[in-house]
């Protein structure tokens, strides 16, 4: 569960959560995606999913997906609705 969600649920500052985790003797994971997660996020986005859809599927933030796409050399699609396919 993301620190932001935990801090909102319990009404504490987001900096409190990692401090409590460390105090309990548990390792705090380093922010960011590993190489495999980064490649997967980028691949899902490139397959046509939105940033939000990829984030929800992987349980990560939209910003992490956006950064993964850029780090993998991808390009972000314009925001807004996708253009409708015209049929004639």
N, C-alpha and C. Protein backbone atom coordinates (compact mmCIF):
# COMPACT_ATOMS: atom_id res chain seq x y z
N UNK A 1 0.86 -1.17 0.00
CA UNK A 1 0.00 0.00 0.00
C UNK A 1 0.90 1.23 0.00
N UNK A 2 0.61 2.21 -0.84
CA UNK A 2 1.45 3.41 -0.90
C UNK A 2 1.42 4.21 0.41
N UNK A 3 2.54 4.82 0.72
CA UNK A 3 2.66 5.63 1.95
C UNK A 3 1.59 6.71 1.98
N UNK A 4 1.32 7.32 0.84
CA UNK A 4 0.32 8.39 0.78
C UNK A 4 -1.05 7.88 1.23
N UNK A 5 -1.41 6.69 0.80
CA UNK A 5 -2.71 6.11 1.17
C UNK A 5 -2.76 5.76 2.66
N UNK A 6 -1.66 5.22 3.17
CA UNK A 6 -1.62 4.87 4.60
C UNK A 6 -1.72 6.13 5.45
N UNK A 7 -0.97 7.17 5.08
CA UNK A 7 -0.99 8.40 5.87
C UNK A 7 -2.37 9.05 5.83
N UNK A 8 -3.06 8.98 4.69
CA UNK A 8 -4.42 9.53 4.60
C UNK A 8 -5.39 8.72 5.46
N UNK A 9 -5.25 7.41 5.41
CA UNK A 9 -6.16 6.54 6.17
C UNK A 9 -6.06 6.78 7.67
N UNK A 10 -4.82 6.98 8.17
CA UNK A 10 -4.62 7.12 9.61
C UNK A 10 -4.43 8.57 10.06
N UNK A 11 -4.48 9.51 9.11
CA UNK A 11 -4.39 10.92 9.47
C UNK A 11 -3.05 11.34 10.03
N UNK A 12 -1.97 10.77 9.49
CA UNK A 12 -0.62 11.15 9.93
C UNK A 12 0.16 11.66 8.73
N UNK A 13 1.26 12.35 9.01
CA UNK A 13 2.11 12.87 7.95
C UNK A 13 2.78 11.70 7.21
N UNK A 14 2.99 11.87 5.92
CA UNK A 14 3.57 10.78 5.12
C UNK A 14 4.98 10.41 5.57
N UNK A 15 5.69 11.33 6.21
CA UNK A 15 7.02 11.03 6.72
C UNK A 15 7.00 10.14 7.97
N UNK A 16 5.86 10.08 8.62
CA UNK A 16 5.73 9.26 9.82
C UNK A 16 5.75 7.77 9.50
N UNK A 17 5.17 7.40 8.37
CA UNK A 17 5.03 5.99 8.02
C UNK A 17 6.39 5.30 7.87
N UNK A 18 7.32 5.82 7.05
CA UNK A 18 8.62 5.16 6.95
C UNK A 18 9.38 5.13 8.28
N UNK A 19 9.21 6.18 9.09
CA UNK A 19 9.88 6.20 10.39
C UNK A 19 9.37 5.06 11.28
N UNK A 20 8.07 4.84 11.28
CA UNK A 20 7.51 3.76 12.07
C UNK A 20 7.94 2.39 11.54
N UNK A 21 8.01 2.27 10.24
CA UNK A 21 8.44 1.01 9.64
C UNK A 21 9.88 0.70 10.02
N UNK A 22 10.76 1.70 9.93
CA UNK A 22 12.17 1.51 10.30
C UNK A 22 12.29 1.17 11.79
N UNK A 23 11.51 1.86 12.61
CA UNK A 23 11.55 1.63 14.06
C UNK A 23 11.15 0.18 14.37
N UNK A 24 10.28 -0.39 13.55
CA UNK A 24 9.84 -1.78 13.74
C UNK A 24 10.88 -2.77 13.21
N UNK A 25 11.96 -2.25 12.62
CA UNK A 25 13.02 -3.12 12.13
C UNK A 25 12.81 -3.68 10.74
N UNK A 26 11.89 -3.08 10.00
CA UNK A 26 11.59 -3.54 8.64
C UNK A 26 12.28 -2.61 7.65
N UNK A 27 12.84 -3.20 6.59
CA UNK A 27 13.51 -2.40 5.57
C UNK A 27 12.47 -1.62 4.75
N UNK A 28 12.77 -0.38 4.49
CA UNK A 28 11.90 0.46 3.67
C UNK A 28 12.41 0.36 2.24
N UNK A 29 11.49 0.06 1.33
CA UNK A 29 11.93 -0.08 -0.06
C UNK A 29 12.29 1.28 -0.64
N UNK A 30 13.21 1.23 -1.56
CA UNK A 30 13.65 2.45 -2.23
C UNK A 30 12.58 2.85 -3.24
N UNK A 31 12.30 4.14 -3.29
CA UNK A 31 11.30 4.63 -4.23
C UNK A 31 11.73 4.36 -5.67
N UNK A 32 10.75 4.18 -6.51
CA UNK A 32 11.03 3.95 -7.92
C UNK A 32 10.82 2.50 -8.30
N UNK A 33 10.83 2.26 -9.58
CA UNK A 33 10.59 0.93 -10.11
C UNK A 33 11.91 0.26 -10.46
N UNK A 34 11.96 -1.06 -10.31
CA UNK A 34 13.15 -1.76 -10.78
C UNK A 34 13.05 -1.88 -12.30
N UNK A 35 14.09 -2.39 -12.92
CA UNK A 35 14.16 -2.44 -14.39
C UNK A 35 13.01 -3.25 -15.00
N UNK A 36 12.65 -4.35 -14.36
CA UNK A 36 11.57 -5.19 -14.89
C UNK A 36 10.22 -4.48 -14.80
N UNK A 37 9.95 -3.84 -13.67
CA UNK A 37 8.70 -3.11 -13.51
C UNK A 37 8.62 -1.93 -14.48
N UNK A 38 9.74 -1.27 -14.65
CA UNK A 38 9.79 -0.13 -15.56
C UNK A 38 9.48 -0.56 -16.98
N UNK A 39 10.09 -1.66 -17.42
CA UNK A 39 9.85 -2.17 -18.78
C UNK A 39 8.39 -2.61 -18.93
N UNK A 40 7.83 -3.25 -17.90
CA UNK A 40 6.43 -3.70 -17.97
C UNK A 40 5.48 -2.53 -18.06
N UNK A 41 5.70 -1.50 -17.23
CA UNK A 41 4.83 -0.32 -17.25
C UNK A 41 4.87 0.35 -18.61
N UNK A 42 6.06 0.49 -19.15
CA UNK A 42 6.20 1.11 -20.47
C UNK A 42 5.52 0.28 -21.55
N UNK A 43 5.68 -1.02 -21.48
CA UNK A 43 5.07 -1.92 -22.46
C UNK A 43 3.55 -1.86 -22.41
N UNK A 44 2.99 -1.85 -21.22
CA UNK A 44 1.53 -1.77 -21.08
C UNK A 44 1.01 -0.45 -21.65
N UNK A 45 1.72 0.64 -21.38
CA UNK A 45 1.31 1.94 -21.90
C UNK A 45 1.40 1.95 -23.43
N UNK A 46 2.48 1.43 -23.95
CA UNK A 46 2.67 1.39 -25.40
C UNK A 46 1.63 0.50 -26.09
N UNK A 47 1.07 -0.45 -25.34
CA UNK A 47 0.05 -1.34 -25.93
C UNK A 47 -1.31 -0.65 -26.03
N UNK A 48 -1.41 0.56 -25.49
CA UNK A 48 -2.65 1.32 -25.63
C UNK A 48 -3.35 1.67 -24.34
N UNK A 49 -2.88 1.13 -23.21
CA UNK A 49 -3.49 1.47 -21.93
C UNK A 49 -3.15 2.90 -21.57
N UNK A 50 -3.98 3.52 -20.75
CA UNK A 50 -3.70 4.88 -20.27
C UNK A 50 -2.75 4.80 -19.08
N UNK A 51 -2.19 5.94 -18.70
CA UNK A 51 -1.32 5.99 -17.53
C UNK A 51 -2.09 5.51 -16.29
N UNK A 52 -3.34 5.93 -16.17
CA UNK A 52 -4.17 5.54 -15.02
C UNK A 52 -4.39 4.04 -15.01
N UNK A 53 -4.70 3.47 -16.16
CA UNK A 53 -4.95 2.03 -16.24
C UNK A 53 -3.71 1.22 -15.88
N UNK A 54 -2.56 1.65 -16.37
CA UNK A 54 -1.31 0.95 -16.05
C UNK A 54 -1.02 1.06 -14.56
N UNK A 55 -1.19 2.26 -14.02
CA UNK A 55 -0.94 2.48 -12.59
C UNK A 55 -1.83 1.59 -11.74
N UNK A 56 -3.11 1.51 -12.09
CA UNK A 56 -4.03 0.68 -11.33
C UNK A 56 -3.68 -0.80 -11.44
N UNK A 57 -3.35 -1.24 -12.64
CA UNK A 57 -3.02 -2.66 -12.83
C UNK A 57 -1.78 -3.05 -12.04
N UNK A 58 -0.78 -2.15 -12.00
CA UNK A 58 0.49 -2.48 -11.35
C UNK A 58 0.53 -2.07 -9.88
N UNK A 59 -0.47 -1.32 -9.44
CA UNK A 59 -0.48 -0.87 -8.04
C UNK A 59 0.57 0.18 -7.75
N UNK A 60 0.81 1.06 -8.72
CA UNK A 60 1.80 2.13 -8.57
C UNK A 60 1.15 3.46 -8.93
N UNK A 61 1.87 4.53 -8.78
CA UNK A 61 1.34 5.85 -9.10
C UNK A 61 1.47 6.19 -10.58
N UNK A 62 0.62 7.11 -11.02
CA UNK A 62 0.67 7.57 -12.41
C UNK A 62 2.02 8.19 -12.74
N UNK A 63 2.59 8.92 -11.80
CA UNK A 63 3.88 9.55 -12.04
C UNK A 63 4.97 8.50 -12.28
N UNK A 64 4.89 7.38 -11.58
CA UNK A 64 5.86 6.31 -11.78
C UNK A 64 5.73 5.72 -13.19
N UNK A 65 4.49 5.58 -13.65
CA UNK A 65 4.27 5.07 -15.01
C UNK A 65 4.80 6.06 -16.03
N UNK A 66 4.46 7.32 -15.84
CA UNK A 66 4.93 8.37 -16.76
C UNK A 66 6.46 8.35 -16.85
N UNK A 67 7.12 8.28 -15.70
CA UNK A 67 8.59 8.29 -15.68
C UNK A 67 9.15 7.03 -16.32
N UNK A 68 8.50 5.89 -16.12
CA UNK A 68 8.96 4.64 -16.73
C UNK A 68 8.90 4.72 -18.24
N UNK A 69 7.80 5.27 -18.77
CA UNK A 69 7.66 5.41 -20.23
C UNK A 69 8.77 6.29 -20.77
N UNK A 70 9.01 7.40 -20.12
CA UNK A 70 10.06 8.32 -20.59
C UNK A 70 11.45 7.70 -20.46
N UNK A 71 11.71 7.02 -19.35
CA UNK A 71 13.01 6.39 -19.14
C UNK A 71 13.28 5.28 -20.16
N UNK A 72 12.21 4.63 -20.62
CA UNK A 72 12.36 3.56 -21.60
C UNK A 72 12.41 4.11 -23.03
N UNK A 73 12.39 5.43 -23.17
CA UNK A 73 12.49 6.05 -24.49
C UNK A 73 11.16 6.21 -25.21
N UNK A 74 10.06 6.00 -24.51
CA UNK A 74 8.75 6.14 -25.11
C UNK A 74 8.29 7.59 -25.14
N UNK A 75 7.19 7.80 -25.83
CA UNK A 75 6.59 9.14 -25.89
C UNK A 75 5.21 9.07 -25.29
N UNK A 76 4.85 10.12 -24.57
CA UNK A 76 3.53 10.19 -23.97
C UNK A 76 2.52 10.67 -25.01
N UNK A 77 1.34 10.06 -24.98
CA UNK A 77 0.27 10.50 -25.87
C UNK A 77 -0.33 11.78 -25.33
N UNK A 78 -0.96 12.58 -26.19
CA UNK A 78 -1.62 13.79 -25.70
C UNK A 78 -2.73 13.44 -24.73
N UNK A 79 -2.97 14.32 -23.79
CA UNK A 79 -4.04 14.12 -22.82
C UNK A 79 -5.40 14.30 -23.48
N UNK A 80 -6.41 13.82 -22.81
CA UNK A 80 -7.77 14.00 -23.31
C UNK A 80 -8.30 12.74 -23.94
N UNK A 81 -9.46 12.87 -24.50
CA UNK A 81 -10.11 11.72 -25.13
C UNK A 81 -9.37 11.29 -26.37
N UNK A 82 -9.41 10.00 -26.58
CA UNK A 82 -8.81 9.45 -27.80
C UNK A 82 -9.71 9.81 -28.98
N UNK A 83 -9.13 10.09 -30.12
CA UNK A 83 -9.97 10.38 -31.27
C UNK A 83 -10.80 9.16 -31.67
N UNK A 84 -12.02 9.43 -32.09
CA UNK A 84 -12.90 8.34 -32.51
C UNK A 84 -12.48 7.85 -33.88
N UNK A 85 -12.60 6.55 -34.08
CA UNK A 85 -12.33 5.99 -35.40
C UNK A 85 -13.51 6.32 -36.29
N UNK A 86 -13.23 6.79 -37.46
CA UNK A 86 -14.32 7.13 -38.38
C UNK A 86 -14.64 5.92 -39.24
N UNK A 87 -15.91 5.67 -39.36
CA UNK A 87 -16.35 4.55 -40.21
C UNK A 87 -17.26 5.11 -41.29
N UNK A 88 -17.02 4.72 -42.49
CA UNK A 88 -17.83 5.21 -43.60
C UNK A 88 -18.30 4.09 -44.43
